[in-house]
Amino acid sequence: MATTSFRESYDGHDLVAPTSSSTDFLGRATTSTVDYMGRALRRPVRTNTTVVAVGAEIQFVTGEKFVVTTGGTTAASPPAAPAVGGSVVDGGATLLRQK
């Protein structure tokens, strides 16, 4: 089991305890980047002042999930999360909330 900055399995299920001893939703161990079968993990945690590209999927530490609709550099602190379906400007990037 490993620590990871990703929050979802390749098929969109939330990881269990992703910051330490990460497992998938069925309890199978993951590494820091792939699941038990070697498939890439998804949706890293949003980080301050980081470049994000259009189409990237990110997640706030509080659990809200976003897709980047305008690429750019994230702000020095996270913005308030809008309702599902709403957009928020995060520094030079625009994020669309999915969940």
Protein backbone atom coordinates (compact mmCIF):
# COMPACT_ATOMS: atom_id res chain seq x y z
CA MET A 1 0.00 0.00 0.00
CA ALA A 2 1.18 3.49 -0.76
CA THR A 3 0.56 7.17 -0.20
CA THR A 4 -0.81 9.01 -3.23
CA SER A 5 -1.96 12.47 -4.28
CA PHE A 6 -4.61 10.88 -6.54
CA ARG A 7 -8.17 10.42 -5.33
CA GLU A 8 -9.89 8.06 -7.82
CA SER A 9 -9.32 4.69 -9.43
CA TYR A 10 -9.11 4.49 -13.23
CA ASP A 11 -12.90 3.97 -13.41
CA GLY A 12 -13.89 6.86 -11.12
CA HIS A 13 -14.34 5.14 -7.74
CA ASP A 14 -13.00 7.07 -4.75
CA LEU A 15 -9.86 5.64 -3.13
CA VAL A 16 -9.96 4.66 0.54
CA ALA A 17 -7.43 6.50 2.77
CA PRO A 18 -5.59 7.92 -0.27
CA THR A 19 -3.09 9.89 1.80
CA SER A 20 -1.77 6.79 3.59
CA SER A 21 -2.02 3.07 2.84
CA SER A 22 -4.22 3.71 -0.18
CA THR A 23 -6.65 1.04 -1.34
CA ASP A 24 -9.39 0.96 -3.95
CA PHE A 25 -13.07 0.68 -3.05
CA LEU A 26 -12.76 -3.13 -2.77
CA GLY A 27 -9.76 -2.96 -0.42
CA ARG A 28 -7.08 -3.82 -2.99
CA ALA A 29 -3.76 -2.02 -2.50
CA THR A 30 -2.62 0.73 -4.87
CA THR A 31 0.77 2.27 -5.47
CA SER A 32 1.22 6.04 -5.54
CA THR A 33 0.21 6.14 -9.24
CA VAL A 34 -1.51 2.88 -10.29
CA ASP A 35 -4.08 0.38 -9.05
CA TYR A 36 -3.51 -3.32 -8.34
CA MET A 37 -3.61 -4.11 -12.10
CA GLY A 38 -1.30 -1.28 -13.16
CA ARG A 39 -4.02 1.08 -14.39
CA ALA A 40 -3.37 4.79 -13.81
CA LEU A 41 -5.06 6.51 -10.86
CA ARG A 42 -7.02 9.71 -11.58
CA ARG A 43 -7.90 13.12 -10.20
CA PRO A 44 -4.99 14.48 -8.17
CA VAL A 45 -5.54 16.90 -5.32
CA ARG A 46 -5.50 20.58 -6.31
CA THR A 47 -2.25 22.29 -5.36
CA ASN A 48 -1.51 26.00 -5.00
CA THR A 49 0.21 27.91 -7.85
CA THR A 50 0.36 24.93 -10.18
CA VAL A 51 -0.19 24.92 -13.93
CA VAL A 52 -3.28 22.94 -14.98
CA ALA A 53 -4.30 22.07 -18.53
CA VAL A 54 -7.73 22.11 -20.16
CA GLY A 55 -9.48 18.80 -19.53
CA ALA A 56 -7.46 17.92 -16.43
CA GLU A 57 -9.44 16.48 -13.54
CA ILE A 58 -8.63 17.68 -10.03
CA GLN A 59 -10.16 17.42 -6.58
CA PHE A 60 -10.14 19.79 -3.64
CA VAL A 61 -8.95 18.32 -0.33
CA THR A 62 -12.53 18.78 0.91
CA GLY A 63 -13.77 16.32 -1.75
CA GLU A 64 -15.25 18.52 -4.50
CA LYS A 65 -14.36 17.28 -7.99
CA PHE A 66 -13.59 19.54 -10.95
CA VAL A 67 -12.55 19.53 -14.59
CA VAL A 68 -10.39 22.37 -15.91
CA THR A 69 -12.21 24.35 -18.64
CA THR A 70 -9.62 27.14 -19.02
CA GLY A 71 -6.00 26.22 -18.45
CA GLY A 72 -3.71 28.35 -16.33
CA THR A 73 -1.99 28.56 -12.97
CA THR A 74 -4.04 27.92 -9.84
CA ALA A 75 -4.22 30.60 -7.14
CA ALA A 76 -2.12 30.75 -3.96
CA SER A 77 -5.13 29.39 -2.03
CA PRO A 78 -8.18 27.41 -3.14
CA PRO A 79 -11.37 29.31 -4.04
CA ALA A 80 -14.73 28.56 -2.48
CA ALA A 81 -16.34 25.64 -4.27
CA PRO A 82 -19.48 26.44 -6.28
CA ALA A 83 -22.53 24.18 -6.48
CA VAL A 84 -22.33 21.13 -8.75
CA GLY A 85 -22.40 22.35 -12.36
CA GLY A 86 -21.03 25.76 -11.40
CA SER A 87 -17.70 27.25 -12.46
CA VAL A 88 -15.10 29.05 -10.38
CA VAL A 89 -12.02 31.04 -11.34
CA ASP A 90 -8.93 29.67 -9.61
CA GLY A 91 -6.05 32.06 -10.35
CA GLY A 92 -5.67 31.94 -14.13
CA ALA A 93 -7.63 28.69 -14.50
CA THR A 94 -11.38 28.09 -14.61
CA LEU A 95 -12.79 24.96 -12.97
CA LEU A 96 -16.19 23.32 -13.57
CA ARG A 97 -17.53 21.40 -10.58
CA GLN A 98 -18.63 17.87 -11.40
CA LYS A 99 -19.47 16.29 -8.03
